[in-house]
Each structure stands twice: as structure tokens, then as C-alpha cells.
Amino acid sequence: MALSIIQSEAINLADTFAFTGTVSFSGSTSGAGGYTQGTKVSPTSGTTVDFTGIPSDVKVIHILFDQLERTNNSWGIVQLGDSGGFETTGYTSSVGYPGTGNSYYANSAGDNNGLKIWYYGATKHSGIATIMRFSTDQTQWIMSSRCHAAEGGSYSCYSAVEKTLSADLTQIRITMGGGAFSSTGGDINILYTT
């Protein structure tokens, strides 16, 4: 590629070119963002795990959970928070919950306290929840999750939620609708991108 093209035009990344010799660049780049990884949390008790300090320009957040177990059957829930704290109502949601023996459960939008992750407490679960900004501000969000029983059985959960916050998103909570995290542990972490 001729030097004059590089100096006068944007580089087309579909072109094939190679640099040889000493090459230096100046200025700044844009559109080359990646994911930032949070600090892994391994809860063995208690009912909540919070991730705070979410940056103001975040667009996508993934919550990853591996081998999590609870002390009893109840919903594991994702709730969003802003500068006023965590919002515990107003989530327009639905969830499908296939269980053992080909049974299937569905919960309607009336279950409005967060994004449901999983229900069955007697086995470890692994999965992912994704939170995506819906508009140009930090208040309107769409969430979905998928998980499965990580040590046998056919338990799984698929859910989706929309939520409009009263202010910009700054924090995320994973909490238990009942019971607590089990002493057998498991891990939770987040990835996010701006």
C-alpha cells in the first residue's frame, strides 16, 4: 500500500498490507474497545453479591456464574441499581423453567422483582446473564439469561426482562429470593464494554 494512501485516506481493513522496518503511530484510536473483567467473587454464605462502580458509558454487561449452589429452592435474581440504590420492583419479565421429567414451568410478567437466573437449589448451576443498554442514556435496559444444572439433571432456566431505572446504571446485584449461597461455593464475575 502506497504511503500516500495512508496519509490521505482511511485504511480499508479489507485490504491486505504489511509494514516493514521501523513504524510509529501518533494520535488516538477509536472503535477498538474490548471487555473489562470484574473481580471474581466466590460466595459461600449470605444472600447477595454486588458489583459496583459500573462506568457511566457502559453498553453491554455479562454476568457469568459457575457452579453456584443455594441452600434451598427459590429464585436467584439479578437486580439493577443507580445512585439511589438497587431497584427491586418494576421489572417486566417472563421466565421459562424446564425441569426433570419433561415438566415445564412458566412465570409471567407479574414476577417483577428482577431477572430470574435459576430456581432449583439442590444442585449447582452455571450460566450467563446479559444486560444491554436500550437507548442512548443509562436508564433503559434489556436483560436475558440462560443457565443449566452443572452436575447432572435437566434443570435449566431461560428468562428475559426489561427495566427502566430512575437514574443512570451504576451497580448490579445478584441476590436470593430465599435461602442463601451454599458453603460449597461457586463463582460469579462480570464482563462489560463501553
Protein backbone atom coordinates (compact mmCIF):
# COMPACT_ATOMS: atom_id res chain seq x y z
CA MET A 1 0.00 0.00 0.00
CA ALA A 2 1.42 3.34 -1.01
CA LEU A 3 2.37 5.77 1.75
CA SER A 4 0.31 8.47 0.03
CA ILE A 5 -2.87 6.39 0.54
CA ILE A 6 -2.15 6.01 4.23
CA GLN A 7 -1.51 9.74 4.55
CA SER A 8 -4.59 10.90 2.66
CA GLU A 9 -7.29 8.27 3.18
CA ALA A 10 -8.71 5.97 5.80
CA ILE A 11 -7.22 2.49 5.72
CA ASN A 12 -9.64 -0.14 4.43
CA LEU A 13 -9.21 -3.12 6.76
CA ALA A 14 -10.31 -5.42 3.93
CA ASP A 15 -7.05 -4.58 2.12
CA THR A 16 -4.01 -6.76 2.65
CA PHE A 17 -0.84 -4.90 3.59
CA ALA A 18 2.30 -5.35 5.65
CA PHE A 19 4.57 -2.94 7.46
CA THR A 20 8.33 -3.44 7.33
CA GLY A 21 11.12 -1.57 9.02
CA THR A 22 10.51 0.90 11.83
CA VAL A 23 6.90 2.05 12.11
CA SER A 24 5.49 4.60 14.55
CA PHE A 25 2.00 5.94 15.07
CA SER A 26 0.65 9.05 16.76
CA GLY A 27 -2.80 10.29 17.65
CA SER A 28 -5.57 8.18 19.15
CA THR A 29 -7.69 5.25 18.09
CA SER A 30 -11.43 4.85 18.35
CA GLY A 31 -13.80 1.94 17.96
CA ALA A 32 -11.21 -0.52 19.24
CA GLY A 33 -12.70 -1.15 22.66
CA GLY A 34 -12.74 -4.50 24.39
CA TYR A 35 -14.21 -6.01 27.53
CA THR A 36 -13.22 -5.14 31.07
CA GLN A 37 -13.30 -8.03 33.50
CA GLY A 38 -14.51 -7.57 37.06
CA THR A 39 -13.12 -9.21 40.18
CA LYS A 40 -14.36 -12.78 40.63
CA VAL A 41 -16.48 -13.38 43.74
CA SER A 42 -16.81 -16.83 45.34
CA PRO A 43 -19.74 -16.61 47.79
CA THR A 44 -20.07 -19.33 50.45
CA SER A 45 -22.78 -17.65 52.57
CA GLY A 46 -25.06 -14.64 52.59
CA THR A 47 -27.76 -13.67 50.15
CA THR A 48 -26.25 -11.02 47.84
CA VAL A 49 -23.24 -10.29 45.66
CA ASP A 50 -22.90 -6.69 44.42
CA PHE A 51 -20.80 -5.31 41.58
CA THR A 52 -20.45 -1.54 41.95
CA GLY A 53 -18.64 1.22 40.09
CA ILE A 54 -20.15 0.40 36.68
CA PRO A 55 -18.87 3.13 34.29
CA SER A 56 -21.32 5.72 33.00
CA ASP A 57 -20.84 4.83 29.33
CA VAL A 58 -21.30 1.05 29.61
CA LYS A 59 -23.36 -0.58 26.85
CA VAL A 60 -23.20 -4.33 27.49
CA ILE A 61 -22.63 -6.28 30.71
CA HIS A 62 -22.32 -10.05 31.01
CA ILE A 63 -22.72 -11.78 34.37
CA LEU A 64 -21.00 -15.17 34.41
CA PHE A 65 -21.75 -17.73 37.09
CA ASP A 66 -20.13 -21.12 37.51
CA GLN A 67 -21.08 -23.98 39.84
CA LEU A 68 -23.25 -21.79 42.09
CA GLU A 69 -25.41 -23.53 44.66
CA ARG A 70 -28.02 -22.35 47.14
CA THR A 71 -29.32 -23.74 50.40
CA ASN A 72 -32.91 -24.18 49.18
CA ASN A 73 -35.27 -23.78 46.22
CA SER A 74 -36.00 -20.15 45.34
CA TRP A 75 -35.19 -17.74 42.57
CA GLY A 76 -31.71 -16.37 42.09
CA ILE A 77 -32.30 -12.84 40.81
CA VAL A 78 -30.36 -10.05 39.07
CA GLN A 79 -31.34 -6.51 40.08
CA LEU A 80 -30.05 -3.21 38.69
CA GLY A 81 -29.08 -0.19 40.74
CA ASP A 82 -28.38 3.50 40.33
CA SER A 83 -27.22 6.27 42.66
CA GLY A 84 -30.41 5.85 44.70
CA GLY A 85 -29.76 2.16 45.40
CA PHE A 86 -31.00 -1.11 43.93
CA GLU A 87 -34.43 -1.18 42.29
CA THR A 88 -36.46 -4.18 43.44
CA THR A 89 -39.72 -3.71 41.50
CA GLY A 90 -40.89 -2.69 38.04
CA TYR A 91 -39.12 -5.39 36.03
CA THR A 92 -41.32 -6.52 33.14
CA SER A 93 -40.26 -10.14 32.90
CA SER A 94 -41.02 -13.69 31.85
CA VAL A 95 -39.22 -16.94 32.55
CA GLY A 96 -39.33 -20.49 31.21
CA TYR A 97 -38.12 -23.21 33.54
CA PRO A 98 -37.80 -26.77 32.17
CA GLY A 99 -37.37 -29.27 35.00
CA THR A 100 -36.87 -33.01 35.28
CA GLY A 101 -39.33 -35.48 33.79
CA ASN A 102 -40.18 -33.16 30.88
CA SER A 103 -42.07 -30.81 33.20
CA TYR A 104 -42.16 -27.15 32.23
CA TYR A 105 -42.97 -24.07 34.27
CA ALA A 106 -43.60 -20.53 33.06
CA ASN A 107 -43.81 -17.40 35.15
CA SER A 108 -45.46 -14.30 33.79
CA ALA A 109 -44.62 -10.62 33.88
CA GLY A 110 -46.19 -10.49 37.34
CA ASP A 111 -42.85 -11.75 38.72
CA ASN A 112 -41.40 -8.27 38.60
CA ASN A 113 -38.58 -8.17 41.15
CA GLY A 114 -35.67 -8.84 38.75
CA LEU A 115 -34.17 -11.13 36.14
CA LYS A 116 -34.60 -14.74 37.25
CA ILE A 117 -31.40 -16.82 36.89
CA TRP A 118 -32.32 -20.23 38.32
CA TYR A 119 -34.64 -21.84 40.83
CA TYR A 120 -33.64 -25.35 41.90
CA GLY A 121 -31.35 -25.17 44.96
CA ALA A 122 -30.24 -28.77 45.35
CA THR A 123 -27.70 -28.73 42.53
CA LYS A 124 -25.01 -26.40 41.24
CA HIS A 125 -25.85 -24.19 38.26
CA SER A 126 -23.75 -22.41 35.63
CA GLY A 127 -24.76 -19.86 33.03
CA ILE A 128 -24.71 -16.31 31.73
CA ALA A 129 -26.90 -13.23 32.03
CA THR A 130 -26.58 -10.37 29.54
CA ILE A 131 -27.60 -6.78 30.23
CA MET A 132 -27.77 -4.40 27.25
CA ARG A 133 -28.41 -0.67 27.12
CA PHE A 134 -31.51 0.02 25.03
CA SER A 135 -31.20 3.76 24.44
CA THR A 136 -28.58 6.49 24.44
CA ASP A 137 -28.95 7.18 28.15
CA GLN A 138 -28.08 4.80 31.01
CA THR A 139 -31.62 4.19 32.28
CA GLN A 140 -33.32 1.77 29.85
CA TRP A 141 -32.07 -1.84 29.86
CA ILE A 142 -32.90 -5.24 28.39
CA MET A 143 -31.69 -8.40 30.18
CA SER A 144 -31.72 -12.09 29.34
CA SER A 145 -30.24 -15.19 30.95
CA ARG A 146 -29.64 -18.88 30.32
CA CYS A 147 -28.40 -21.43 32.80
CA HIS A 148 -28.25 -25.17 33.35
CA ALA A 149 -27.70 -27.66 36.13
CA ALA A 150 -23.94 -28.22 36.23
CA GLU A 151 -23.87 -31.63 37.91
CA GLY A 152 -26.48 -33.68 36.08
CA GLY A 153 -30.25 -33.44 35.82
CA SER A 154 -32.17 -31.47 33.24
CA TYR A 155 -32.90 -28.30 35.18
CA SER A 156 -32.44 -25.11 33.20
CA CYS A 157 -33.83 -21.59 33.03
CA TYR A 158 -34.40 -19.04 30.25
CA SER A 159 -35.61 -15.56 31.06
CA ALA A 160 -35.92 -12.02 29.70
CA VAL A 161 -36.60 -8.67 31.36
CA GLU A 162 -36.91 -5.01 30.51
CA LYS A 163 -36.25 -2.35 33.12
CA THR A 164 -36.14 1.45 33.15
CA LEU A 165 -34.18 2.90 36.05
CA SER A 166 -34.81 6.25 37.71
CA ALA A 167 -31.18 7.30 37.07
CA ASP A 168 -28.01 6.03 35.36
CA LEU A 169 -26.99 2.41 35.98
CA THR A 170 -24.06 2.21 38.43
CA GLN A 171 -24.33 -1.23 40.07
CA ILE A 172 -25.63 -4.79 39.73
CA ARG A 173 -26.83 -7.19 42.43
CA ILE A 174 -27.18 -10.98 42.36
CA THR A 175 -29.50 -11.95 45.20
CA MET A 176 -31.53 -14.86 46.52
CA GLY A 177 -35.32 -14.84 46.67
CA GLY A 178 -34.94 -17.16 49.65
CA GLY A 179 -32.18 -19.11 51.35
CA ALA A 180 -28.52 -18.22 50.90
CA PHE A 181 -25.43 -19.09 48.90
CA SER A 182 -24.18 -22.56 49.81
CA SER A 183 -20.91 -23.25 51.60
CA THR A 184 -19.87 -25.37 48.60
CA GLY A 185 -19.11 -22.12 46.81
CA GLY A 186 -19.10 -21.36 43.11
CA ASP A 187 -18.00 -18.22 41.29
CA ILE A 188 -19.59 -15.05 39.89
CA ASN A 189 -17.93 -12.42 37.71
CA ILE A 190 -18.84 -9.71 35.21
CA LEU A 191 -17.51 -8.54 31.85
CA TYR A 192 -18.53 -5.18 30.42
CA THR A 193 -17.82 -2.98 27.44
CA THR A 194 -18.43 0.68 26.64
